[in-house]
Structures are given as C-alpha cells and as structure tokens.
Amino acid sequence: MLLCSCIFLPRTTTRYDPACGITQRHMTLEAYQIAAFGGCRNEGCAELLVLAGAVSAASLVVSGSVVAVGEVVYWLEAKGRCLTVPGF
C-alpha cells in the first residue's frame, strides 16, 4: 500500500478584465505532494502517517483561510478600481 502526504499552498494569478480595463488578481488553493510512504510495518511508521495527515489538514485550514481573505481583498480592490473608470 502506498500513501501520499500533501500540503496546500495559496497561489495568486492575474487576469485582464476588458470591461473595467484593469488586471485582476485571484487566489487559488493548490495541493503539492511532499512525501510518499510505502510498506509501513511498525508503530513508528503509523505515527509518521498520522503526523503527515495532521500537517496536511493544518496546511489546508491555514492556506484556505488565506485564500478566502485574499479573494475578498482582491474583489474589493477590483470593484474599487472599476468604479473609478469613466463610463461605469
């Protein structure tokens, strides 16, 4: 049996909005594999798998929160800049 451990990291991307004439930023959450465990047979290996799962879950919660807050900030920034464009 092969088990993988992942961490989650926020990633910022940009996209041009022709309606407002601005470049908008967006955040996404991406998973990265950091380790693969195979052939575990003893208690130390089980502890390692539990720790890897805890790190993965913690990175999901923290990075997910960063993405949620970042998306709100970027959305507010884009709306504020779009409102200042003449004709909108």
N, C-alpha and C. Protein backbone atom coordinates (compact mmCIF):
# COMPACT_ATOMS: atom_id res chain seq x y z
N MET A 1 0.84 -1.17 0.00
CA MET A 1 0.00 0.00 0.00
C MET A 1 0.89 1.24 0.00
N LEU A 2 0.54 2.24 -0.80
CA LEU A 2 1.30 3.47 -0.91
C LEU A 2 0.41 4.64 -0.49
N LEU A 3 0.85 5.42 0.47
CA LEU A 3 0.10 6.59 0.93
C LEU A 3 0.91 7.84 0.64
N CYS A 4 0.21 8.92 0.29
CA CYS A 4 0.88 10.18 -0.04
C CYS A 4 0.52 11.24 0.98
N SER A 5 1.43 12.15 1.19
CA SER A 5 1.18 13.30 2.05
C SER A 5 1.26 14.56 1.20
N CYS A 6 0.31 15.45 1.40
CA CYS A 6 0.24 16.68 0.62
C CYS A 6 0.19 17.88 1.55
N ILE A 7 0.61 19.01 1.02
CA ILE A 7 0.37 20.29 1.68
C ILE A 7 -0.38 21.17 0.69
N PHE A 8 -1.08 22.12 1.21
CA PHE A 8 -1.86 23.03 0.39
C PHE A 8 -1.29 24.44 0.52
N LEU A 9 -1.09 25.08 -0.64
CA LEU A 9 -0.50 26.42 -0.66
C LEU A 9 -1.34 27.35 -1.52
N PRO A 10 -1.46 28.62 -1.11
CA PRO A 10 -2.18 29.57 -1.95
C PRO A 10 -1.34 29.99 -3.15
N ARG A 11 -2.02 30.28 -4.26
CA ARG A 11 -1.35 30.74 -5.46
C ARG A 11 -2.12 31.92 -6.01
N THR A 12 -1.42 32.98 -6.37
CA THR A 12 -2.05 34.18 -6.93
C THR A 12 -1.88 34.18 -8.44
N THR A 13 -2.97 34.40 -9.16
CA THR A 13 -2.94 34.51 -10.61
C THR A 13 -3.52 35.87 -11.00
N THR A 14 -3.20 36.31 -12.21
CA THR A 14 -3.74 37.58 -12.70
C THR A 14 -4.50 37.33 -13.99
N ARG A 15 -5.48 38.19 -14.22
CA ARG A 15 -6.30 38.09 -15.42
C ARG A 15 -6.77 39.50 -15.79
N TYR A 16 -6.71 39.81 -17.08
CA TYR A 16 -7.13 41.12 -17.55
C TYR A 16 -8.66 41.15 -17.71
N ASP A 17 -9.29 42.18 -17.18
CA ASP A 17 -10.73 42.37 -17.30
C ASP A 17 -10.97 43.50 -18.30
N PRO A 18 -11.38 43.18 -19.53
CA PRO A 18 -11.57 44.23 -20.54
C PRO A 18 -12.73 45.17 -20.23
N ALA A 19 -13.72 44.71 -19.47
CA ALA A 19 -14.86 45.57 -19.13
C ALA A 19 -14.44 46.76 -18.27
N CYS A 20 -13.49 46.53 -17.38
CA CYS A 20 -13.02 47.60 -16.50
C CYS A 20 -11.67 48.16 -16.94
N GLY A 21 -10.98 47.44 -17.79
CA GLY A 21 -9.66 47.88 -18.23
C GLY A 21 -8.60 47.72 -17.16
N ILE A 22 -8.75 46.72 -16.29
CA ILE A 22 -7.79 46.50 -15.21
C ILE A 22 -7.34 45.05 -15.20
N THR A 23 -6.23 44.81 -14.55
CA THR A 23 -5.75 43.45 -14.32
C THR A 23 -6.20 43.03 -12.93
N GLN A 24 -6.97 41.96 -12.87
CA GLN A 24 -7.48 41.47 -11.59
C GLN A 24 -6.59 40.35 -11.08
N ARG A 25 -6.47 40.27 -9.77
CA ARG A 25 -5.74 39.17 -9.14
C ARG A 25 -6.73 38.22 -8.49
N HIS A 26 -6.43 36.93 -8.56
CA HIS A 26 -7.26 35.91 -7.92
C HIS A 26 -6.35 34.93 -7.20
N MET A 27 -6.87 34.36 -6.11
CA MET A 27 -6.12 33.36 -5.36
C MET A 27 -6.80 32.01 -5.52
N THR A 28 -5.98 30.98 -5.64
CA THR A 28 -6.46 29.62 -5.69
C THR A 28 -5.67 28.78 -4.70
N LEU A 29 -6.20 27.63 -4.39
CA LEU A 29 -5.55 26.72 -3.46
C LEU A 29 -5.03 25.54 -4.26
N GLU A 30 -3.74 25.24 -4.11
CA GLU A 30 -3.14 24.14 -4.86
C GLU A 30 -2.51 23.13 -3.90
N ALA A 31 -2.65 21.86 -4.25
CA ALA A 31 -2.07 20.78 -3.45
C ALA A 31 -0.73 20.37 -4.05
N TYR A 32 0.24 20.14 -3.18
CA TYR A 32 1.57 19.68 -3.59
C TYR A 32 1.91 18.43 -2.79
N GLN A 33 2.33 17.39 -3.49
CA GLN A 33 2.74 16.16 -2.81
C GLN A 33 4.12 16.38 -2.22
N ILE A 34 4.26 16.05 -0.94
CA ILE A 34 5.57 16.24 -0.29
C ILE A 34 6.24 14.93 0.06
N ALA A 35 5.47 13.84 0.15
CA ALA A 35 6.09 12.57 0.52
C ALA A 35 5.18 11.42 0.11
N ALA A 36 5.77 10.28 -0.11
CA ALA A 36 5.03 9.05 -0.36
C ALA A 36 5.58 7.99 0.59
N PHE A 37 4.69 7.34 1.28
CA PHE A 37 5.08 6.32 2.24
C PHE A 37 4.57 4.97 1.75
N GLY A 38 5.44 3.99 1.73
CA GLY A 38 5.02 2.66 1.30
C GLY A 38 5.64 1.59 2.16
N GLY A 39 4.95 0.52 2.33
CA GLY A 39 5.48 -0.62 3.06
C GLY A 39 5.64 -0.38 4.55
N CYS A 40 4.77 0.38 5.16
CA CYS A 40 4.87 0.62 6.61
C CYS A 40 4.54 -0.65 7.37
N ARG A 41 5.34 -0.92 8.42
CA ARG A 41 5.13 -2.16 9.16
C ARG A 41 5.15 -1.97 10.68
N ASN A 42 5.63 -0.87 11.19
CA ASN A 42 5.75 -0.76 12.64
C ASN A 42 5.02 0.48 13.16
N GLU A 43 5.05 0.67 14.48
CA GLU A 43 4.34 1.79 15.10
C GLU A 43 4.93 3.14 14.71
N GLY A 44 6.23 3.22 14.51
CA GLY A 44 6.86 4.48 14.12
C GLY A 44 6.34 4.97 12.78
N CYS A 45 6.10 4.05 11.89
CA CYS A 45 5.57 4.40 10.58
C CYS A 45 4.13 4.92 10.72
N ALA A 46 3.35 4.31 11.56
CA ALA A 46 1.98 4.74 11.79
C ALA A 46 1.96 6.16 12.37
N GLU A 47 2.87 6.43 13.29
CA GLU A 47 2.96 7.77 13.87
C GLU A 47 3.35 8.79 12.80
N LEU A 48 4.23 8.41 11.92
CA LEU A 48 4.65 9.29 10.82
C LEU A 48 3.46 9.61 9.91
N LEU A 49 2.64 8.61 9.61
CA LEU A 49 1.47 8.83 8.76
C LEU A 49 0.44 9.74 9.45
N VAL A 50 0.26 9.57 10.75
CA VAL A 50 -0.66 10.44 11.49
C VAL A 50 -0.14 11.88 11.48
N LEU A 51 1.14 12.05 11.68
CA LEU A 51 1.74 13.38 11.66
C LEU A 51 1.61 14.02 10.27
N ALA A 52 1.85 13.24 9.23
CA ALA A 52 1.72 13.76 7.87
C ALA A 52 0.28 14.18 7.60
N GLY A 53 -0.68 13.43 8.08
CA GLY A 53 -2.09 13.79 7.92
C GLY A 53 -2.44 15.06 8.67
N ALA A 54 -1.88 15.22 9.86
CA ALA A 54 -2.13 16.43 10.65
C ALA A 54 -1.53 17.66 9.97
N VAL A 55 -0.33 17.52 9.42
CA VAL A 55 0.31 18.64 8.71
C VAL A 55 -0.51 19.00 7.47
N SER A 56 -0.99 18.00 6.76
CA SER A 56 -1.80 18.24 5.57
C SER A 56 -3.09 18.98 5.93
N ALA A 57 -3.77 18.54 6.98
CA ALA A 57 -5.01 19.19 7.40
C ALA A 57 -4.75 20.62 7.87
N ALA A 58 -3.68 20.82 8.62
CA ALA A 58 -3.36 22.17 9.10
C ALA A 58 -3.05 23.11 7.94
N SER A 59 -2.31 22.62 6.95
CA SER A 59 -1.99 23.48 5.81
C SER A 59 -3.24 23.81 5.01
N LEU A 60 -4.20 22.88 4.96
CA LEU A 60 -5.46 23.14 4.27
C LEU A 60 -6.25 24.24 4.97
N VAL A 61 -6.33 24.18 6.29
CA VAL A 61 -7.09 25.18 7.06
C VAL A 61 -6.43 26.56 6.95
N VAL A 62 -5.13 26.63 7.17
CA VAL A 62 -4.43 27.92 7.14
C VAL A 62 -4.42 28.51 5.73
N SER A 63 -4.03 27.72 4.75
CA SER A 63 -3.97 28.23 3.38
C SER A 63 -5.36 28.53 2.84
N GLY A 64 -6.35 27.74 3.21
CA GLY A 64 -7.72 28.01 2.79
C GLY A 64 -8.21 29.34 3.34
N SER A 65 -7.86 29.64 4.57
CA SER A 65 -8.23 30.93 5.17
C SER A 65 -7.53 32.09 4.46
N VAL A 66 -6.27 31.90 4.12
CA VAL A 66 -5.52 32.94 3.40
C VAL A 66 -6.17 33.19 2.04
N VAL A 67 -6.56 32.13 1.34
CA VAL A 67 -7.19 32.27 0.04
C VAL A 67 -8.54 32.99 0.17
N ALA A 68 -9.34 32.63 1.15
CA ALA A 68 -10.65 33.25 1.33
C ALA A 68 -10.51 34.75 1.60
N VAL A 69 -9.62 35.12 2.50
CA VAL A 69 -9.41 36.53 2.81
C VAL A 69 -8.81 37.26 1.61
N GLY A 70 -7.85 36.64 0.94
CA GLY A 70 -7.22 37.25 -0.23
C GLY A 70 -8.21 37.49 -1.35
N GLU A 71 -9.11 36.56 -1.58
CA GLU A 71 -10.12 36.73 -2.62
C GLU A 71 -11.04 37.91 -2.31
N VAL A 72 -11.43 38.08 -1.05
CA VAL A 72 -12.27 39.21 -0.66
C VAL A 72 -11.52 40.52 -0.88
N VAL A 73 -10.28 40.57 -0.47
CA VAL A 73 -9.48 41.79 -0.64
C VAL A 73 -9.30 42.11 -2.13
N TYR A 74 -8.96 41.11 -2.93
CA TYR A 74 -8.78 41.34 -4.37
C TYR A 74 -10.10 41.75 -5.03
N TRP A 75 -11.22 41.17 -4.59
CA TRP A 75 -12.53 41.53 -5.14
C TRP A 75 -12.85 42.99 -4.82
N LEU A 76 -12.64 43.39 -3.57
CA LEU A 76 -12.88 44.78 -3.18
C LEU A 76 -11.97 45.74 -3.94
N GLU A 77 -10.72 45.36 -4.11
CA GLU A 77 -9.77 46.19 -4.86
C GLU A 77 -10.24 46.35 -6.31
N ALA A 78 -10.66 45.26 -6.93
CA ALA A 78 -11.11 45.33 -8.33
C ALA A 78 -12.37 46.16 -8.46
N LYS A 79 -13.32 46.00 -7.53
CA LYS A 79 -14.55 46.79 -7.59
C LYS A 79 -14.26 48.27 -7.39
N GLY A 80 -13.35 48.59 -6.50
CA GLY A 80 -12.99 49.99 -6.26
C GLY A 80 -12.31 50.61 -7.46
N ARG A 81 -11.44 49.87 -8.09
CA ARG A 81 -10.74 50.39 -9.26
C ARG A 81 -11.67 50.45 -10.46
N CYS A 82 -12.60 49.53 -10.57
CA CYS A 82 -13.52 49.52 -11.71
C CYS A 82 -14.51 50.69 -11.62
N LEU A 83 -14.90 51.05 -10.41
CA LEU A 83 -15.83 52.16 -10.22
C LEU A 83 -15.22 53.51 -10.61
N THR A 84 -13.89 53.58 -10.58
CA THR A 84 -13.23 54.85 -10.91
C THR A 84 -13.01 55.01 -12.42
N VAL A 85 -13.32 53.98 -13.20
CA VAL A 85 -13.15 54.05 -14.66
C VAL A 85 -14.31 54.86 -15.23
N PRO A 86 -14.03 55.91 -16.02
CA PRO A 86 -15.11 56.72 -16.60
C PRO A 86 -16.05 55.86 -17.43
N GLY A 87 -17.33 56.16 -17.32
CA GLY A 87 -18.33 55.44 -18.10
C GLY A 87 -18.93 54.24 -17.38
N PHE A 88 -18.48 53.94 -16.13
CA PHE A 88 -19.02 52.81 -15.38
C PHE A 88 -19.80 53.30 -14.20
